[in-house]
Protein backbone atom coordinates (compact mmCIF):
# COMPACT_ATOMS: atom_id res chain seq x y z
CA UNK A 1 39.68 34.15 13.30
CA UNK A 2 42.50 35.58 11.17
CA UNK A 3 43.72 33.75 8.10
CA UNK A 4 47.39 32.93 7.56
CA UNK A 5 48.83 31.74 4.26
CA UNK A 6 51.96 29.61 4.13
CA UNK A 7 53.89 28.50 1.06
CA UNK A 8 54.33 24.78 0.55
CA UNK A 9 57.51 24.32 -1.51
CA UNK A 10 60.62 25.14 0.47
CA UNK A 11 58.77 26.26 3.60
CA UNK A 12 56.74 23.24 4.65
CA UNK A 13 58.44 20.58 2.57
CA UNK A 14 61.98 19.66 1.62
CA UNK A 15 61.68 21.12 -1.88
CA UNK A 16 65.08 21.42 -3.58
CA UNK A 17 64.31 23.35 -6.80
CA UNK A 18 63.73 20.10 -8.66
CA UNK A 19 60.06 20.65 -9.57
CA UNK A 20 58.09 17.56 -10.48
CA UNK A 21 54.42 18.00 -11.30
CA UNK A 22 53.51 14.58 -9.95
CA UNK A 23 55.62 14.57 -6.76
CA UNK A 24 55.67 16.70 -3.60
CA UNK A 25 58.74 16.40 -1.37
CA UNK A 26 58.34 15.17 2.23
CA UNK A 27 57.38 17.55 5.04
CA UNK A 28 60.23 19.36 6.84
CA UNK A 29 60.99 18.52 10.45
CA UNK A 30 59.06 20.95 12.65
CA UNK A 31 56.58 22.01 9.96
CA UNK A 32 53.74 19.85 11.26
CA UNK A 33 54.15 21.24 14.78
CA UNK A 34 54.21 24.78 13.39
CA UNK A 35 50.96 24.20 11.48
CA UNK A 36 49.33 22.59 14.48
CA UNK A 37 50.32 25.50 16.72
CA UNK A 38 49.14 28.08 14.19
CA UNK A 39 45.81 26.30 13.70
CA UNK A 40 44.73 27.13 17.25
CA UNK A 41 44.62 30.86 16.45
CA UNK A 42 44.59 31.10 12.66
CA UNK A 43 42.70 29.70 9.70
CA UNK A 44 45.75 28.20 7.96
CA UNK A 45 45.84 28.17 4.16
CA UNK A 46 48.64 26.59 2.17
CA UNK A 47 50.01 28.36 -0.88
CA UNK A 48 51.87 26.49 -3.54
CA UNK A 49 53.79 27.45 -6.65
CA UNK A 50 51.85 24.68 -8.29
CA UNK A 51 49.15 27.28 -8.85
CA UNK A 52 51.38 30.24 -9.74
CA UNK A 53 48.82 32.52 -11.37
CA UNK A 54 46.58 32.66 -8.33
CA UNK A 55 49.51 32.96 -5.93
CA UNK A 56 51.13 35.74 -7.97
CA UNK A 57 47.88 37.71 -8.18
CA UNK A 58 47.28 37.40 -4.45
CA UNK A 59 50.83 38.45 -3.55
CA UNK A 60 50.63 41.51 -5.79
CA UNK A 61 47.26 42.54 -4.38
CA UNK A 62 48.02 41.68 -0.76
CA UNK A 63 51.66 42.51 -0.17
CA UNK A 64 51.61 41.64 3.54
CA UNK A 65 53.78 38.55 3.43
CA UNK A 66 56.33 37.49 6.01
CA UNK A 67 59.57 36.13 4.60
CA UNK A 68 60.55 32.67 5.84
CA UNK A 69 64.23 32.64 6.82
CA UNK A 70 64.43 28.92 7.56
CA UNK A 71 63.87 29.32 11.31
CA UNK A 72 60.37 28.26 12.47
CA UNK A 73 60.74 29.90 15.91
CA UNK A 74 61.67 33.21 14.28
CA UNK A 75 58.70 32.81 11.95
CA UNK A 76 56.32 32.30 14.90
CA UNK A 77 57.69 35.46 16.56
CA UNK A 78 57.17 37.47 13.38
CA UNK A 79 53.62 36.13 13.00
CA UNK A 80 52.71 36.92 16.60
CA UNK A 81 53.99 40.51 16.21
CA UNK A 82 52.44 41.02 12.77
CA UNK A 83 49.71 43.68 12.51
């Protein structure tokens, strides 16, 4: 099973650039369904800026990220076509 990594803030939740260490914004509409759908074919891992050093290192070493444009259907299409 392939692994897919998805960012938390701004992709899965309603993050608005108002970082609070002790609070995570609510989940975006459609995000749960996206994760559920992905979980059938991928080992889903959630990235978060709350652990920036690890995320930064991984992104530099594994520059195979798909940019989230705000459209979950478009994201699914990009993931399905990704090689």
